[in-house]
Protein backbone atom coordinates (compact mmCIF):
# COMPACT_ATOMS: atom_id res chain seq x y z
CA MET A 1 130.78 -75.04 -86.74
CA GLY A 2 130.66 -75.98 -83.08
CA ASN A 3 127.71 -74.85 -80.96
CA GLU A 4 126.42 -72.25 -83.40
CA GLU A 5 122.74 -71.55 -83.72
CA LYS A 6 121.08 -73.80 -86.28
CA ASP A 7 118.54 -71.93 -88.38
CA ILE A 8 118.43 -70.93 -92.03
CA PHE A 9 119.82 -67.48 -91.20
CA SER A 10 122.93 -69.02 -89.66
CA VAL A 11 123.39 -71.10 -92.83
CA ILE A 12 123.02 -67.98 -94.98
CA GLY A 13 125.52 -66.26 -92.69
CA ARG A 14 128.08 -68.95 -93.56
CA LEU A 15 127.61 -68.36 -97.29
CA PRO A 16 130.79 -66.21 -97.59
CA ALA A 17 132.83 -68.98 -95.93
CA TYR A 18 131.27 -71.59 -98.20
CA SER A 19 132.03 -69.44 -101.25
CA LYS A 20 135.63 -69.01 -100.10
CA LEU A 21 135.95 -72.78 -99.58
CA LEU A 22 134.55 -73.44 -103.06
CA VAL A 23 137.09 -71.08 -104.65
CA LYS A 24 139.99 -72.59 -102.67
CA LEU A 25 138.96 -76.10 -103.72
CA TYR A 26 138.63 -75.04 -107.34
CA ARG A 27 142.11 -73.47 -107.36
CA SER A 28 143.80 -76.34 -105.53
CA SER A 29 146.01 -78.88 -107.27
CA GLU A 30 144.84 -81.44 -104.68
CA VAL A 31 141.36 -81.54 -106.23
CA ARG A 32 140.92 -83.87 -109.19
CA LYS A 33 139.68 -82.51 -112.50
CA ARG A 34 136.32 -84.32 -112.30
CA TYR A 35 135.61 -82.60 -108.97
CA LYS A 36 136.57 -79.24 -110.43
CA ILE A 37 134.02 -79.91 -113.17
CA LEU A 38 131.43 -80.62 -110.48
CA LEU A 39 132.29 -77.34 -108.75
CA SER A 40 132.01 -75.54 -112.11
CA MET A 41 128.59 -77.08 -112.68
CA GLY A 42 127.44 -75.90 -109.25
CA ILE A 43 128.60 -72.37 -109.98
CA ALA A 44 127.02 -72.45 -113.44
CA TYR A 45 123.72 -73.63 -111.97
CA SER A 46 123.73 -70.74 -109.50
CA LEU A 47 124.37 -68.22 -112.26
CA SER A 48 122.06 -69.76 -114.86
CA PRO A 49 118.61 -68.31 -115.46
CA ILE A 50 117.36 -71.89 -116.02
CA GLU A 51 116.90 -73.49 -112.60
CA LEU A 52 114.57 -75.88 -110.79
CA ILE A 53 113.37 -73.00 -108.61
CA PRO A 54 113.88 -69.70 -110.46
CA GLY A 55 115.76 -66.98 -108.62
CA ILE A 56 112.81 -64.66 -109.20
CA ILE A 57 110.90 -66.59 -106.52
CA PRO A 58 111.90 -64.83 -103.30
CA VAL A 59 113.94 -66.87 -100.81
CA ALA A 60 113.24 -70.29 -102.37
CA GLY A 61 115.12 -69.38 -105.56
CA GLN A 62 118.20 -68.44 -103.57
CA LEU A 63 117.96 -71.38 -101.18
CA ASP A 64 118.03 -73.92 -104.00
CA ASN A 65 121.28 -72.31 -105.23
CA LEU A 66 122.68 -72.61 -101.71
CA LEU A 67 121.59 -76.25 -101.53
CA ILE A 68 123.34 -77.05 -104.83
CA MET A 69 126.53 -75.33 -103.61
CA LEU A 70 126.48 -77.27 -100.34
CA ARG A 71 125.92 -80.59 -102.10
CA CYS A 72 128.78 -79.89 -104.51
CA LEU A 73 131.09 -79.04 -101.61
CA GLN A 74 130.02 -82.16 -99.74
CA ARG A 75 130.63 -84.36 -102.77
CA VAL A 76 134.04 -82.86 -103.56
CA LEU A 77 135.26 -82.98 -99.96
CA GLY A 78 133.92 -86.52 -99.55
CA GLY A 79 135.85 -87.63 -102.63
CA MET A 80 139.18 -86.21 -101.51
CA GLU A 81 141.81 -87.76 -99.30
CA PRO A 82 140.49 -87.26 -95.75
CA ALA A 83 143.59 -85.36 -94.59
CA ALA A 84 143.39 -82.95 -97.52
CA ALA A 85 139.65 -82.40 -97.04
CA GLN A 86 140.19 -81.80 -93.33
CA LYS A 87 142.83 -79.17 -94.11
CA PHE A 88 140.38 -77.23 -96.28
CA LEU A 89 137.56 -77.57 -93.77
CA GLU A 90 139.67 -76.46 -90.81
CA ALA A 91 140.87 -73.40 -92.72
CA GLU A 92 137.23 -72.23 -92.87
CA GLY A 93 136.24 -73.54 -89.42
CA MET A 94 133.94 -76.19 -90.85
CA THR A 95 133.26 -79.90 -90.66
CA LEU A 96 131.64 -82.34 -93.07
CA GLU A 97 128.99 -82.98 -90.42
CA GLY A 98 128.26 -79.25 -90.24
CA ILE A 99 127.86 -79.09 -94.01
CA GLN A 100 125.45 -82.05 -93.85
CA GLU A 101 123.45 -80.29 -91.12
CA ASP A 102 123.26 -77.16 -93.29
CA ILE A 103 122.12 -79.26 -96.27
CA THR A 104 119.37 -80.81 -94.15
CA LEU A 105 118.29 -77.46 -92.72
CA THR A 106 118.23 -75.79 -96.15
CA GLY A 107 116.27 -78.69 -97.66
CA ASP A 108 113.77 -78.65 -94.79
CA THR A 109 113.32 -74.89 -95.19
CA LEU A 110 112.67 -75.30 -98.92
CA LYS A 111 110.10 -78.01 -98.18
CA ALA A 112 108.36 -75.78 -95.64
CA ILE A 113 108.25 -72.92 -98.13
CA GLY A 114 106.82 -75.30 -100.72
CA ARG A 115 104.13 -76.57 -98.35
CA GLY A 116 103.21 -73.00 -97.43
CA THR A 117 103.01 -71.98 -101.07
CA VAL A 118 100.79 -74.96 -101.92
CA LYS A 119 98.55 -74.15 -98.96
CA VAL A 120 98.16 -70.51 -100.04
CA ALA A 121 97.47 -71.56 -103.64
CA ALA A 122 94.89 -74.13 -102.51
CA ASN A 123 93.13 -71.63 -100.25
CA THR A 124 93.11 -69.04 -103.04
CA ALA A 125 91.61 -71.55 -105.48
CA LYS A 126 89.03 -72.55 -102.89
CA ALA A 127 88.05 -68.92 -102.28
CA ALA A 128 87.83 -68.27 -106.02
CA GLY A 129 85.58 -71.30 -106.39
CA TYR A 130 83.27 -70.10 -103.62
CA LEU A 131 83.10 -66.63 -105.17
CA ALA A 132 82.30 -68.11 -108.60
CA LEU A 133 79.51 -70.29 -107.13
CA HIS A 134 78.14 -67.32 -105.21
CA GLY A 135 78.11 -65.28 -108.42
CA LEU A 136 76.27 -68.08 -110.27
CA ARG A 137 73.64 -68.25 -107.53
CA ILE A 138 73.04 -64.51 -107.81
CA LEU A 139 72.73 -64.79 -111.59
CA ARG A 140 70.27 -67.69 -111.27
CA ARG A 141 68.11 -65.73 -108.86
CA LYS A 142 67.97 -62.87 -111.32
CA LYS A 143 67.19 -65.41 -114.06
CA THR A 144 69.71 -63.81 -116.37
CA PHE A 145 71.66 -67.01 -116.72
């Protein structure tokens, strides 16, 4: 992953390579059955309509799928013989450190989206409260309430 730009779009751009790596690991006889189960669970999570952050939520829903995929890859590669893991990583031009950086970047992006969403929701609730109080004041002045 060298000196590539580090933003969420660069991580998303590596998604085809990550998918290819996942498939190669799944098909390999060098990967133990328990790690293949972990890879299967990661794929199932991505395809399942039941998720922590539903896919219907733009960007965040897809980023949590990416985060799960990256964590599964990290766990599987970390559990393999180092030489075997290195072979798979080099074939896709990756490193374990690069995967960790992408995990951190994806997680930070999800947190930022969450903070922004909470801020918008809080401001909307605040505005609705002010409008409701304003409406009550008008009704009191008219003595209809």
